[in-house]
Amino acid sequence: MPKTSARLLALLSLLQARRDWPGALLAERLDVSPRTVRRDVDRLRELGYPILASKGPDGGYRLDAGTRLPPLLFDDEQAVAIAVALQIATTSGAGIEDAATRALNTVRQVMPARLRHRIDTLRVTAVERPAIRPRPQADSGVLMVVSTAVHAREVLRFDYTATAPPGPGDDPAATTLRRVQPHHLVTWGGRWYLVAWDLDRDDWRIFRADRIIPRTPTGPRFTPRELPGGDVATFVTRRFQGSDGSGGWPCRGEVILHLPAAVVSRYSREGIVEELGPDRCRLVLESWSWPGLAAAIGRFDADIEVIGPTELRAAFANLARRYANAATDGPSGT
C-alpha cells in the first residue's frame, strides 16, 4: 500500500480526472479498502477539497466547486499549459497583468525541476507595433460582465463613448446608451472588443471594451444570429481591414506591373498575380477604398498600367496630385 501522502495525491488526481467515481472503483484503482477511501476523502475535505458523497450500494464521490480555492494538482502537460497561458495573459490588456505575473511565479516555484526547465526554455513574448499613445486597459470587471452576458445569451445594455471613457468634466452627450445582443468577446491588437448585434441600429457593431460601462440588469435571452463570414475571426479581421464583413472587399482593381511575378507575389499574398513575361505581370487586388487600393499598388517600385476600372484610374490621378503638392511647399493655391 502506498504511503498516505502519495495515496492522497493519487486519489485527488483521480477525482479531478472525471466527474463521478464509484467508491468500489476508487478502492480498486488505489488498491485499498473502501474504508481507507472514506478516510482519505475525509482528509482531503479537511484540506479544503469539496468532495460530495452519494449513498447507496453504488455510492461514490465527486469533486465539487467550493467557497475557496484549495491546493490544485496538475499533471505535467497541464502545468506547462497553465504556465504558457499565464505568460500570454501578462500582455493580454485585460487588466490582470500583475495578477498573471504573480500566478506564473507561484506556479513556477512549486514545479519540479524538469518542468521549470521546460518553462524557462519556452518564453512567450507578445510583440506589437508601438502605439502613439498609451492604450487604455479594459476593466476586468467589465470583461466578466460582458462575458457572462455572451455566455447566457442575454441582451446587454451599456453606456458607450466613441472616443474615450468620459471623465467628471466631460460632455455626457458624447456617451450613448446601447442595447445589443452580445456574441463574442475578442482581442485584437492588444485591445478587447465586443462583437454584437446592435438592436437600435439593426446592424453588427464592434465595441471597444474599455469604453463600455455596463448597466444592470441584463435583458431577455435571445437566439444568436449567424455572423457574416461564418466565424468571428473572419468577421473581425475583415471589419478591421475595412471590408463590410459580407465576404468581399468594396474595391477591386486590375493592373499590369513592370516587375517579375515572383517579386510581386512575394509581397502581395492576398492578390492574384499572373506572369506576363520575365519582367511583367498582371495583378488583381482588393481593398477598402480606391485610394487605398491605388496606394497599395503604388508601393511597388515599378511602372503601372491600369486595366480597370475607371475608379482605380481616377484614384491614381488624385494621389498623383496629392503627391505633387506634397513635393512642393504646400497645396496649390496657397
C-alpha atoms as a PDB file:
ATOM      1  CA  MET A   1       0.000   0.000   0.000  1.00  0.00           C
ATOM      2  CA  PRO A   2       1.422   3.443  -0.884  1.00  0.00           C
ATOM      3  CA  LYS A   3       2.136   5.975   1.834  1.00  0.00           C
ATOM      4  CA  THR A   4      -0.744   8.172   2.932  1.00  0.00           C
ATOM      5  CA  SER A   5       0.561  11.366   1.251  1.00  0.00           C
ATOM      6  CA  ALA A   6       1.167   9.628  -2.066  1.00  0.00           C
ATOM      7  CA  ARG A   7      -2.208   7.909  -1.840  1.00  0.00           C
ATOM      8  CA  LEU A   8      -3.985  11.227  -1.209  1.00  0.00           C
ATOM      9  CA  LEU A   9      -2.355  12.748  -4.284  1.00  0.00           C
ATOM     10  CA  ALA A  10      -3.355   9.726  -6.350  1.00  0.00           C
ATOM     11  CA  LEU A  11      -6.932   9.963  -5.060  1.00  0.00           C
ATOM     12  CA  LEU A  12      -7.092  13.692  -5.821  1.00  0.00           C
ATOM     13  CA  SER A  13      -5.768  13.108  -9.332  1.00  0.00           C
ATOM     14  CA  LEU A  14      -8.480  10.505  -9.968  1.00  0.00           C
ATOM     15  CA  LEU A  15     -11.225  12.788  -8.649  1.00  0.00           C
ATOM     16  CA  GLN A  16     -10.078  15.561 -10.967  1.00  0.00           C
ATOM     17  CA  ALA A  17      -9.968  13.246 -13.982  1.00  0.00           C
ATOM     18  CA  ARG A  18     -13.709  12.523 -14.161  1.00  0.00           C
ATOM     19  CA  ARG A  19     -16.935  13.807 -12.635  1.00  0.00           C
ATOM     20  CA  ASP A  20     -18.225  10.780 -10.669  1.00  0.00           C
ATOM     21  CA  TRP A  21     -16.323   7.882  -9.140  1.00  0.00           C
ATOM     22  CA  PRO A  22     -17.959   4.791  -7.576  1.00  0.00           C
ATOM     23  CA  GLY A  23     -16.326   4.079  -4.213  1.00  0.00           C
ATOM     24  CA  ALA A  24     -15.561   0.489  -5.136  1.00  0.00           C
ATOM     25  CA  LEU A  25     -13.795   1.563  -8.330  1.00  0.00           C
ATOM     26  CA  LEU A  26     -11.676   4.087  -6.435  1.00  0.00           C
ATOM     27  CA  ALA A  27     -10.680   1.407  -3.948  1.00  0.00           C
ATOM     28  CA  GLU A  28      -9.732  -0.909  -6.799  1.00  0.00           C
ATOM     29  CA  ARG A  29      -7.688   1.739  -8.608  1.00  0.00           C
ATOM     30  CA  LEU A  30      -5.832   2.682  -5.420  1.00  0.00           C
ATOM     31  CA  ASP A  31      -5.504  -0.941  -4.256  1.00  0.00           C
ATOM     32  CA  VAL A  32      -7.000  -0.148  -0.847  1.00  0.00           C
ATOM     33  CA  SER A  33     -10.189  -0.961   1.018  1.00  0.00           C
ATOM     34  CA  PRO A  34     -13.388   1.139   0.685  1.00  0.00           C
ATOM     35  CA  ARG A  35     -12.901   2.126   4.341  1.00  0.00           C
ATOM     36  CA  THR A  36      -9.469   3.573   3.511  1.00  0.00           C
ATOM     37  CA  VAL A  37     -11.013   5.520   0.625  1.00  0.00           C
ATOM     38  CA  ARG A  38     -13.556   7.030   3.020  1.00  0.00           C
ATOM     39  CA  ARG A  39     -10.806   8.062   5.465  1.00  0.00           C
ATOM     40  CA  ASP A  40      -8.742   9.598   2.657  1.00  0.00           C
ATOM     41  CA  VAL A  41     -11.759  11.505   1.395  1.00  0.00           C
ATOM     42  CA  ASP A  42     -12.220  12.943   4.897  1.00  0.00           C
ATOM     43  CA  ARG A  43      -8.561  14.026   4.927  1.00  0.00           C
ATOM     44  CA  LEU A  44      -8.956  15.811   1.600  1.00  0.00           C
ATOM     45  CA  ARG A  45     -12.053  17.579   2.910  1.00  0.00           C
ATOM     46  CA  GLU A  46     -10.034  18.831   5.876  1.00  0.00           C
ATOM     47  CA  LEU A  47      -7.548  20.310   3.383  1.00  0.00           C
ATOM     48  CA  GLY A  48     -10.356  22.255   1.712  1.00  0.00           C
ATOM     49  CA  TYR A  49     -11.385  19.998  -1.157  1.00  0.00           C
ATOM     50  CA  PRO A  50     -15.208  19.963  -1.506  1.00  0.00           C
ATOM     51  CA  ILE A  51     -15.890  16.260  -2.119  1.00  0.00           C
ATOM     52  CA  LEU A  52     -19.509  15.150  -2.276  1.00  0.00           C
ATOM     53  CA  ALA A  53     -20.566  11.602  -1.403  1.00  0.00           C
ATOM     54  CA  SER A  54     -23.586   9.712  -2.721  1.00  0.00           C
ATOM     55  CA  LYS A  55     -25.120   6.924  -0.592  1.00  0.00           C
ATOM     56  CA  GLY A  56     -26.418   3.541  -1.590  1.00  0.00           C
ATOM     57  CA  PRO A  57     -24.940   0.300  -2.907  1.00  0.00           C
ATOM     58  CA  ASP A  58     -23.443   2.172  -5.874  1.00  0.00           C
ATOM     59  CA  GLY A  59     -22.413   5.175  -3.825  1.00  0.00           C
ATOM     60  CA  GLY A  60     -19.429   7.201  -4.880  1.00  0.00           C
ATOM     61  CA  TYR A  61     -17.632  10.526  -4.760  1.00  0.00           C
ATOM     62  CA  ARG A  62     -17.478  13.749  -6.741  1.00  0.00           C
ATOM     63  CA  LEU A  63     -15.096  16.707  -6.538  1.00  0.00           C
ATOM     64  CA  ASP A  64     -17.367  19.761  -6.403  1.00  0.00           C
ATOM     65  CA  ALA A  65     -16.852  23.528  -6.513  1.00  0.00           C
ATOM     66  CA  GLY A  66     -16.300  25.133  -3.116  1.00  0.00           C
ATOM     67  CA  THR A  67     -16.225  28.561  -1.494  1.00  0.00           C
ATOM     68  CA  ARG A  68     -12.436  28.891  -1.577  1.00  0.00           C
ATOM     69  CA  LEU A  69      -9.634  27.705  -3.814  1.00  0.00           C
ATOM     70  CA  PRO A  70      -7.894  24.630  -2.366  1.00  0.00           C
ATOM     71  CA  PRO A  71      -4.456  23.392  -3.458  1.00  0.00           C
ATOM     72  CA  LEU A  72      -4.619  22.036  -7.002  1.00  0.00           C
ATOM     73  CA  LEU A  73      -2.907  19.074  -8.611  1.00  0.00           C
ATOM     74  CA  PHE A  74      -1.850  19.128 -12.254  1.00  0.00           C
ATOM     75  CA  ASP A  75      -0.110  16.623 -14.449  1.00  0.00           C
ATOM     76  CA  ASP A  76       2.987  17.687 -16.389  1.00  0.00           C
ATOM     77  CA  GLU A  77       1.161  18.741 -19.565  1.00  0.00           C
ATOM     78  CA  GLN A  78      -1.443  20.719 -17.620  1.00  0.00           C
ATOM     79  CA  ALA A  79       1.252  22.530 -15.631  1.00  0.00           C
ATOM     80  CA  VAL A  80       3.135  23.534 -18.790  1.00  0.00           C
ATOM     81  CA  ALA A  81      -0.098  24.660 -20.482  1.00  0.00           C
ATOM     82  CA  ILE A  82      -1.011  26.834 -17.471  1.00  0.00           C
ATOM     83  CA  ALA A  83       2.435  28.429 -17.397  1.00  0.00           C
ATOM     84  CA  VAL A  84       2.292  29.262 -21.123  1.00  0.00           C
ATOM     85  CA  ALA A  85      -1.237  30.679 -20.765  1.00  0.00           C
ATOM     86  CA  LEU A  86      -0.109  32.861 -17.856  1.00  0.00           C
ATOM     87  CA  GLN A  87       2.788  34.189 -19.921  1.00  0.00           C
ATOM     88  CA  ILE A  88       0.333  35.228 -22.629  1.00  0.00           C
ATOM     89  CA  ALA A  89      -2.001  36.739 -20.017  1.00  0.00           C
ATOM     90  CA  THR A  90       0.736  39.104 -18.842  1.00  0.00           C
ATOM     91  CA  THR A  91       0.264  41.004 -22.144  1.00  0.00           C
ATOM     92  CA  SER A  92      -3.473  40.474 -22.575  1.00  0.00           C
ATOM     93  CA  GLY A  93      -4.597  44.056 -21.928  1.00  0.00           C
ATOM     94  CA  ALA A  94      -7.346  42.724 -19.646  1.00  0.00           C
ATOM     95  CA  GLY A  95      -6.123  44.480 -16.512  1.00  0.00           C
ATOM     96  CA  ILE A  96      -4.833  41.227 -14.996  1.00  0.00           C
ATOM     97  CA  GLU A  97      -1.173  41.533 -15.955  1.00  0.00           C
ATOM     98  CA  ASP A  98       0.156  41.870 -12.393  1.00  0.00           C
ATOM     99  CA  ALA A  99      -2.001  39.017 -11.140  1.00  0.00           C
ATOM    100  CA  ALA A 100      -0.894  36.817 -14.049  1.00  0.00           C
ATOM    101  CA  THR A 101       2.758  37.568 -13.297  1.00  0.00           C
ATOM    102  CA  ARG A 102       2.303  36.641  -9.626  1.00  0.00           C
ATOM    103  CA  ALA A 103       0.421  33.473 -10.553  1.00  0.00           C
ATOM    104  CA  LEU A 104       3.146  32.496 -13.020  1.00  0.00           C
ATOM    105  CA  ASN A 105       5.816  32.925 -10.351  1.00  0.00           C
ATOM    106  CA  THR A 106       3.742  30.845  -7.920  1.00  0.00           C
ATOM    107  CA  VAL A 107       3.223  28.019 -10.411  1.00  0.00           C
ATOM    108  CA  ARG A 108       6.876  28.015 -11.430  1.00  0.00           C
ATOM    109  CA  GLN A 109       8.076  27.942  -7.821  1.00  0.00           C
ATOM    110  CA  VAL A 110       6.262  24.691  -6.996  1.00  0.00           C
ATOM    111  CA  MET A 111       7.102  22.953 -10.274  1.00  0.00           C
ATOM    112  CA  PRO A 112       9.564  20.071 -10.362  1.00  0.00           C
ATOM    113  CA  ALA A 113      12.940  20.977 -11.806  1.00  0.00           C
ATOM    114  CA  ARG A 114      12.240  19.159 -15.071  1.00  0.00           C
ATOM    115  CA  LEU A 115       9.108  21.270 -15.683  1.00  0.00           C
ATOM    116  CA  ARG A 116      10.761  24.530 -14.661  1.00  0.00           C
ATOM    117  CA  HIS A 117      13.419  23.842 -17.287  1.00  0.00           C
ATOM    118  CA  ARG A 118      10.739  23.373 -19.952  1.00  0.00           C
ATOM    119  CA  ILE A 119       9.037  26.618 -18.981  1.00  0.00           C
ATOM    120  CA  ASP A 120      12.289  28.591 -18.805  1.00  0.00           C
ATOM    121  CA  THR A 121      13.214  27.495 -22.311  1.00  0.00           C
ATOM    122  CA  LEU A 122       9.767  28.382 -23.680  1.00  0.00           C
ATOM    123  CA  ARG A 123       9.334  32.105 -23.194  1.00  0.00           C
ATOM    124  CA  VAL A 124       6.359  33.755 -24.900  1.00  0.00           C
ATOM    125  CA  THR A 125       6.721  37.418 -25.882  1.00  0.00           C
ATOM    126  CA  ALA A 126       3.953  39.493 -27.480  1.00  0.00           C
ATOM    127  CA  VAL A 127       5.448  41.947 -29.978  1.00  0.00           C
ATOM    128  CA  GLU A 128       3.180  44.771 -31.112  1.00  0.00           C
ATOM    129  CA  ARG A 129       3.530  47.931 -33.119  1.00  0.00           C
ATOM    130  CA  PRO A 130       4.428  50.942 -30.943  1.00  0.00           C
ATOM    131  CA  ALA A 131       1.334  52.918 -30.005  1.00  0.00           C
ATOM    132  CA  ILE A 132       1.185  56.677 -30.485  1.00  0.00           C
ATOM    133  CA  ARG A 133      -0.377  56.983 -27.035  1.00  0.00           C
ATOM    134  CA  PRO A 134      -0.783  54.517 -24.154  1.00  0.00           C
ATOM    135  CA  ARG A 135      -3.589  52.039 -24.746  1.00  0.00           C
ATOM    136  CA  PRO A 136      -6.359  52.099 -22.134  1.00  0.00           C
ATOM    137  CA  GLN A 137      -6.726  48.859 -20.210  1.00  0.00           C
ATOM    138  CA  ALA A 138     -10.075  47.092 -20.182  1.00  0.00           C
ATOM    139  CA  ASP A 139     -11.515  46.667 -16.701  1.00  0.00           C
ATOM    140  CA  SER A 140     -11.532  43.003 -15.678  1.00  0.00           C
ATOM    141  CA  GLY A 141     -14.932  43.508 -14.018  1.00  0.00           C
ATOM    142  CA  VAL A 142     -16.383  44.829 -17.286  1.00  0.00           C
ATOM    143  CA  LEU A 143     -14.928  41.857 -19.152  1.00  0.00           C
ATOM    144  CA  MET A 144     -16.594  39.478 -16.693  1.00  0.00           C
ATOM    145  CA  VAL A 145     -19.998  41.183 -17.065  1.00  0.00           C
ATOM    146  CA  VAL A 146     -19.771  41.179 -20.853  1.00  0.00           C
ATOM    147  CA  SER A 147     -18.520  37.601 -20.982  1.00  0.00           C
ATOM    148  CA  THR A 148     -21.357  36.455 -18.719  1.00  0.00           C
ATOM    149  CA  ALA A 149     -23.925  38.097 -20.998  1.00  0.00           C
ATOM    150  CA  VAL A 150     -22.335  36.448 -24.036  1.00  0.00           C
ATOM    151  CA  HIS A 151     -22.450  33.046 -22.370  1.00  0.00           C
ATOM    152  CA  ALA A 152     -26.021  33.497 -21.112  1.00  0.00           C
ATOM    153  CA  ARG A 153     -27.177  34.955 -24.455  1.00  0.00           C
ATOM    154  CA  GLU A 154     -28.842  37.878 -22.721  1.00  0.00           C
ATOM    155  CA  VAL A 155     -29.360  41.372 -24.129  1.00  0.00           C
ATOM    156  CA  LEU A 156     -26.730  43.731 -22.741  1.00  0.00           C
ATOM    157  CA  ARG A 157     -27.267  47.434 -22.011  1.00  0.00           C
ATOM    158  CA  PHE A 158     -24.315  49.758 -21.558  1.00  0.00           C
ATOM    159  CA  ASP A 159     -23.148  53.355 -21.837  1.00  0.00           C
ATOM    160  CA  TYR A 160     -20.647  53.731 -24.670  1.00  0.00           C
ATOM    161  CA  THR A 161     -18.431  56.541 -25.852  1.00  0.00           C
ATOM    162  CA  ALA A 162     -16.849  56.525 -29.294  1.00  0.00           C
ATOM    163  CA  THR A 163     -13.736  58.454 -28.204  1.00  0.00           C
ATOM    164  CA  ALA A 164     -12.566  57.675 -24.674  1.00  0.00           C
ATOM    165  CA  PRO A 165     -14.038  56.839 -21.251  1.00  0.00           C
ATOM    166  CA  PRO A 166     -15.786  60.040 -20.063  1.00  0.00           C
ATOM    167  CA  GLY A 167     -14.359  61.847 -17.084  1.00  0.00           C
ATOM    168  CA  PRO A 168     -16.045  64.054 -14.441  1.00  0.00           C
ATOM    169  CA  GLY A 169     -15.981  67.146 -16.666  1.00  0.00           C
ATOM    170  CA  ASP A 170     -16.737  65.502 -19.997  1.00  0.00           C
ATOM    171  CA  ASP A 171     -19.814  66.164 -22.075  1.00  0.00           C
ATOM    172  CA  PRO A 172     -22.390  63.470 -21.239  1.00  0.00           C
ATOM    173  CA  ALA A 173     -23.792  63.825 -24.755  1.00  0.00           C
ATOM    174  CA  ALA A 174     -20.656  62.058 -26.032  1.00  0.00           C
ATOM    175  CA  THR A 175     -21.894  58.873 -24.360  1.00  0.00           C
ATOM    176  CA  THR A 176     -24.783  56.874 -25.803  1.00  0.00           C
ATOM    177  CA  LEU A 177     -26.918  54.094 -24.368  1.00  0.00           C
ATOM    178  CA  ARG A 178     -26.616  50.929 -26.437  1.00  0.00           C
ATOM    179  CA  ARG A 179     -28.769  47.793 -26.459  1.00  0.00           C
ATOM    180  CA  VAL A 180     -27.081  44.834 -28.083  1.00  0.00           C
ATOM    181  CA  GLN A 181     -27.150  41.082 -28.442  1.00  0.00           C
ATOM    182  CA  PRO A 182     -23.593  40.211 -27.378  1.00  0.00           C
ATOM    183  CA  HIS A 183     -21.987  37.431 -29.395  1.00  0.00           C
ATOM    184  CA  HIS A 184     -18.231  37.327 -28.834  1.00  0.00           C
ATOM    185  CA  LEU A 185     -15.560  38.935 -26.652  1.00  0.00           C
ATOM    186  CA  VAL A 186     -12.322  39.105 -28.646  1.00  0.00           C
ATOM    187  CA  THR A 187      -8.838  40.595 -28.561  1.00  0.00           C
ATOM    188  CA  TRP A 188      -7.279  42.484 -31.476  1.00  0.00           C
ATOM    189  CA  GLY A 189      -4.010  44.368 -31.444  1.00  0.00           C
ATOM    190  CA  GLY A 190      -3.732  44.348 -27.658  1.00  0.00           C
ATOM    191  CA  ARG A 191      -7.299  45.589 -27.052  1.00  0.00           C
ATOM    192  CA  TRP A 192     -10.526  43.840 -26.054  1.00  0.00           C
ATOM    193  CA  TYR A 193     -13.651  44.207 -28.195  1.00  0.00           C
ATOM    194  CA  LEU A 194     -17.275  43.118 -28.022  1.00  0.00           C
ATOM    195  CA  VAL A 195     -18.834  41.822 -31.232  1.00  0.00           C
ATOM    196  CA  ALA A 196     -22.598  42.340 -31.021  1.00  0.00           C
ATOM    197  CA  TRP A 197     -25.813  42.933 -32.937  1.00  0.00           C
ATOM    198  CA  ASP A 198     -26.965  46.498 -32.227  1.00  0.00           C
ATOM    199  CA  LEU A 199     -30.736  46.340 -31.671  1.00  0.00           C
ATOM    200  CA  ASP A 200     -31.329  50.053 -32.247  1.00  0.00           C
ATOM    201  CA  ARG A 201     -29.194  50.298 -35.396  1.00  0.00           C
ATOM    202  CA  ASP A 202     -30.196  46.889 -36.747  1.00  0.00           C
ATOM    203  CA  ASP A 203     -26.636  46.022 -37.718  1.00  0.00           C
ATOM    204  CA  TRP A 204     -23.447  44.375 -36.495  1.00  0.00           C
ATOM    205  CA  ARG A 205     -21.110  46.518 -34.410  1.00  0.00           C
ATOM    206  CA  ILE A 206     -17.707  46.105 -32.737  1.00  0.00           C
ATOM    207  CA  PHE A 207     -17.294  47.970 -29.417  1.00  0.00           C
ATOM    208  CA  ARG A 208     -14.089  48.636 -27.510  1.00  0.00           C
ATOM    209  CA  ALA A 209     -14.395  47.077 -24.073  1.00  0.00           C
ATOM    210  CA  ASP A 210     -12.508  49.909 -22.332  1.00  0.00           C
ATOM    211  CA  ARG A 211     -15.282  52.304 -23.455  1.00  0.00           C
ATOM    212  CA  ILE A 212     -18.141  50.178 -22.137  1.00  0.00           C
ATOM    213  CA  ILE A 213     -19.924  50.912 -18.843  1.00  0.00           C
ATOM    214  CA  PRO A 214     -22.418  48.068 -18.324  1.00  0.00           C
ATOM    215  CA  ARG A 215     -25.907  48.656 -16.958  1.00  0.00           C
ATOM    216  CA  THR A 216     -27.846  46.163 -14.891  1.00  0.00           C
ATOM    217  CA  PRO A 217     -29.896  44.130 -15.067  1.00  0.00           C
ATOM    218  CA  THR A 218     -29.317  42.424 -18.392  1.00  0.00           C
ATOM    219  CA  GLY A 219     -32.213  41.981 -20.790  1.00  0.00           C
ATOM    220  CA  PRO A 220     -34.087  38.955 -22.113  1.00  0.00           C
ATOM    221  CA  ARG A 221     -32.448  35.929 -23.689  1.00  0.00           C
ATOM    222  CA  PHE A 222     -32.037  35.801 -27.456  1.00  0.00           C
ATOM    223  CA  THR A 223     -31.258  33.347 -30.233  1.00  0.00           C
ATOM    224  CA  PRO A 224     -27.822  34.176 -31.695  1.00  0.00           C
ATOM    225  CA  ARG A 225     -27.676  35.362 -35.299  1.00  0.00           C
ATOM    226  CA  GLU A 226     -25.169  33.998 -37.781  1.00  0.00           C
ATOM    227  CA  LEU A 227     -22.111  36.195 -38.181  1.00  0.00           C
ATOM    228  CA  PRO A 228     -21.244  37.394 -41.699  1.00  0.00           C
ATOM    229  CA  GLY A 229     -18.259  35.453 -42.965  1.00  0.00           C
ATOM    230  CA  GLY A 230     -19.118  32.331 -40.989  1.00  0.00           C
ATOM    231  CA  ASP A 231     -16.895  32.777 -37.925  1.00  0.00           C
ATOM    232  CA  VAL A 232     -15.839  35.549 -35.568  1.00  0.00           C
ATOM    233  CA  ALA A 233     -12.169  35.551 -36.651  1.00  0.00           C
ATOM    234  CA  THR A 234     -13.079  36.138 -40.303  1.00  0.00           C
ATOM    235  CA  PHE A 235     -15.673  38.768 -39.418  1.00  0.00           C
ATOM    236  CA  VAL A 236     -13.396  40.786 -37.119  1.00  0.00           C
ATOM    237  CA  THR A 237     -10.427  40.594 -39.485  1.00  0.00           C
ATOM    238  CA  ARG A 238     -12.470  41.894 -42.413  1.00  0.00           C
ATOM    239  CA  ARG A 239     -14.062  44.676 -40.369  1.00  0.00           C
ATOM    240  CA  PHE A 240     -10.726  45.979 -39.114  1.00  0.00           C
ATOM    241  CA  GLN A 241      -9.234  45.775 -42.585  1.00  0.00           C
ATOM    242  CA  GLY A 242     -12.117  47.851 -43.938  1.00  0.00           C
ATOM    243  CA  SER A 243     -14.326  45.211 -45.536  1.00  0.00           C
ATOM    244  CA  ASP A 244     -18.084  45.333 -44.979  1.00  0.00           C
ATOM    245  CA  GLY A 245     -17.931  41.831 -43.474  1.00  0.00           C
ATOM    246  CA  SER A 246     -20.081  40.255 -46.179  1.00  0.00           C
ATOM    247  CA  GLY A 247     -17.211  38.262 -47.638  1.00  0.00           C
ATOM    248  CA  GLY A 248     -15.826  40.661 -50.267  1.00  0.00           C
ATOM    249  CA  TRP A 249     -13.944  43.939 -50.491  1.00  0.00           C
ATOM    250  CA  PRO A 250     -15.756  47.026 -51.802  1.00  0.00           C
ATOM    251  CA  CYS A 251     -12.991  47.863 -54.326  1.00  0.00           C
ATOM    252  CA  ARG A 252     -11.323  45.507 -56.814  1.00  0.00           C
ATOM    253  CA  GLY A 253      -8.843  46.593 -59.451  1.00  0.00           C
ATOM    254  CA  GLU A 254      -6.533  45.121 -62.079  1.00  0.00           C
ATOM    255  CA  VAL A 255      -3.163  46.464 -63.241  1.00  0.00           C
ATOM    256  CA  ILE A 256      -0.014  45.423 -65.083  1.00  0.00           C
ATOM    257  CA  LEU A 257       3.225  45.909 -63.165  1.00  0.00           C
ATOM    258  CA  HIS A 258       6.655  46.032 -64.803  1.00  0.00           C
ATOM    259  CA  LEU A 259       8.102  43.589 -62.303  1.00  0.00           C
ATOM    260  CA  PRO A 260       8.614  39.816 -62.294  1.00  0.00           C
ATOM    261  CA  ALA A 261       5.626  37.859 -60.983  1.00  0.00           C
ATOM    262  CA  ALA A 262       7.839  36.166 -58.390  1.00  0.00           C
ATOM    263  CA  VAL A 263       8.688  39.536 -56.834  1.00  0.00           C
ATOM    264  CA  VAL A 264       5.096  40.818 -56.763  1.00  0.00           C
ATOM    265  CA  SER A 265       3.609  37.603 -55.359  1.00  0.00           C
ATOM    266  CA  ARG A 266       6.117  37.697 -52.517  1.00  0.00           C
ATOM    267  CA  TYR A 267       4.631  40.968 -51.247  1.00  0.00           C
ATOM    268  CA  SER A 268       1.015  40.590 -52.357  1.00  0.00           C
ATOM    269  CA  ARG A 269      -0.221  37.328 -50.872  1.00  0.00           C
ATOM    270  CA  GLU A 270      -3.852  38.495 -50.879  1.00  0.00           C
ATOM    271  CA  GLY A 271      -3.783  39.358 -54.589  1.00  0.00           C
ATOM    272  CA  ILE A 272      -3.867  37.323 -57.786  1.00  0.00           C
ATOM    273  CA  VAL A 273      -0.613  37.501 -59.735  1.00  0.00           C
ATOM    274  CA  GLU A 274      -0.254  36.268 -63.329  1.00  0.00           C
ATOM    275  CA  GLU A 275       3.077  36.153 -65.122  1.00  0.00           C
ATOM    276  CA  LEU A 276       3.091  38.003 -68.481  1.00  0.00           C
ATOM    277  CA  GLY A 277       6.803  37.824 -69.176  1.00  0.00           C
ATOM    278  CA  PRO A 278      10.178  37.921 -67.433  1.00  0.00           C
ATOM    279  CA  ASP A 279       9.605  41.499 -66.203  1.00  0.00           C
ATOM    280  CA  ARG A 280       5.827  41.989 -66.398  1.00  0.00           C
ATOM    281  CA  CYS A 281       2.856  40.580 -64.514  1.00  0.00           C
ATOM    282  CA  ARG A 282      -0.865  41.112 -64.039  1.00  0.00           C
ATOM    283  CA  LEU A 283      -2.060  41.927 -60.506  1.00  0.00           C
ATOM    284  CA  VAL A 284      -5.665  41.755 -59.286  1.00  0.00           C
ATOM    285  CA  LEU A 285      -6.070  43.230 -55.825  1.00  0.00           C
ATOM    286  CA  GLU A 286      -8.887  44.294 -53.473  1.00  0.00           C
ATOM    287  CA  SER A 287      -9.044  46.980 -50.797  1.00  0.00           C
ATOM    288  CA  TRP A 288     -11.352  49.030 -48.603  1.00  0.00           C
ATOM    289  CA  SER A 289     -11.235  52.143 -50.857  1.00  0.00           C
ATOM    290  CA  TRP A 290      -9.999  53.174 -54.286  1.00  0.00           C
ATOM    291  CA  PRO A 291      -7.275  55.496 -52.913  1.00  0.00           C
ATOM    292  CA  GLY A 292      -6.249  52.700 -50.542  1.00  0.00           C
ATOM    293  CA  LEU A 293      -6.048  50.262 -53.455  1.00  0.00           C
ATOM    294  CA  ALA A 294      -4.032  52.714 -55.566  1.00  0.00           C
ATOM    295  CA  ALA A 295      -1.648  53.346 -52.682  1.00  0.00           C
ATOM    296  CA  ALA A 296      -1.201  49.598 -52.106  1.00  0.00           C
ATOM    297  CA  ILE A 297      -0.295  49.099 -55.760  1.00  0.00           C
ATOM    298  CA  GLY A 298       1.920  52.168 -55.785  1.00  0.00           C
ATOM    299  CA  ARG A 299       4.202  50.714 -53.140  1.00  0.00           C
ATOM    300  CA  PHE A 300       5.763  48.564 -55.844  1.00  0.00           C
ATOM    301  CA  ASP A 301       8.679  50.490 -57.322  1.00  0.00           C
ATOM    302  CA  ALA A 302       7.665  49.905 -60.922  1.00  0.00           C
ATOM    303  CA  ASP A 303       5.716  51.352 -63.847  1.00  0.00           C
ATOM    304  CA  ILE A 304       1.963  50.684 -63.682  1.00  0.00           C
ATOM    305  CA  GLU A 305      -0.599  50.138 -66.442  1.00  0.00           C
ATOM    306  CA  VAL A 306      -4.171  50.367 -65.188  1.00  0.00           C
ATOM    307  CA  ILE A 307      -6.525  47.845 -66.774  1.00  0.00           C
ATOM    308  CA  GLY A 308      -9.552  48.886 -64.773  1.00  0.00           C
ATOM    309  CA  PRO A 309     -11.914  50.008 -63.536  1.00  0.00           C
ATOM    310  CA  THR A 310     -12.139  53.754 -64.111  1.00  0.00           C
ATOM    311  CA  GLU A 311     -12.438  54.370 -60.360  1.00  0.00           C
ATOM    312  CA  LEU A 312      -8.940  52.981 -59.865  1.00  0.00           C
ATOM    313  CA  ARG A 313      -7.565  55.175 -62.661  1.00  0.00           C
ATOM    314  CA  ALA A 314      -9.190  58.241 -61.029  1.00  0.00           C
ATOM    315  CA  ALA A 315      -7.724  57.267 -57.668  1.00  0.00           C
ATOM    316  CA  PHE A 316      -4.221  57.193 -59.181  1.00  0.00           C
ATOM    317  CA  ALA A 317      -4.827  60.678 -60.627  1.00  0.00           C
ATOM    318  CA  ASN A 318      -5.964  62.014 -57.255  1.00  0.00           C
ATOM    319  CA  LEU A 319      -2.951  60.512 -55.498  1.00  0.00           C
ATOM    320  CA  ALA A 320      -0.642  61.931 -58.154  1.00  0.00           C
ATOM    321  CA  ARG A 321      -1.957  65.439 -57.463  1.00  0.00           C
ATOM    322  CA  ARG A 322      -1.614  64.965 -53.703  1.00  0.00           C
ATOM    323  CA  TYR A 323       1.931  63.645 -54.033  1.00  0.00           C
ATOM    324  CA  ALA A 324       2.863  66.506 -56.350  1.00  0.00           C
ATOM    325  CA  ASN A 325       1.515  69.007 -53.826  1.00  0.00           C
ATOM    326  CA  ALA A 326       3.401  67.257 -51.045  1.00  0.00           C
ATOM    327  CA  ALA A 327       6.618  67.638 -53.032  1.00  0.00           C
ATOM    328  CA  THR A 328       6.189  71.439 -53.117  1.00  0.00           C
ATOM    329  CA  ASP A 329       5.877  73.928 -50.280  1.00  0.00           C
ATOM    330  CA  GLY A 330       2.150  73.181 -49.869  1.00  0.00           C
ATOM    331  CA  PRO A 331      -1.138  72.604 -51.705  1.00  0.00           C
ATOM    332  CA  SER A 332      -1.565  74.532 -54.944  1.00  0.00           C
ATOM    333  CA  GLY A 333      -3.116  77.949 -54.481  1.00  0.00           C
ATOM    334  CA  THR A 334      -1.661  78.521 -51.010  1.00  0.00           C
END
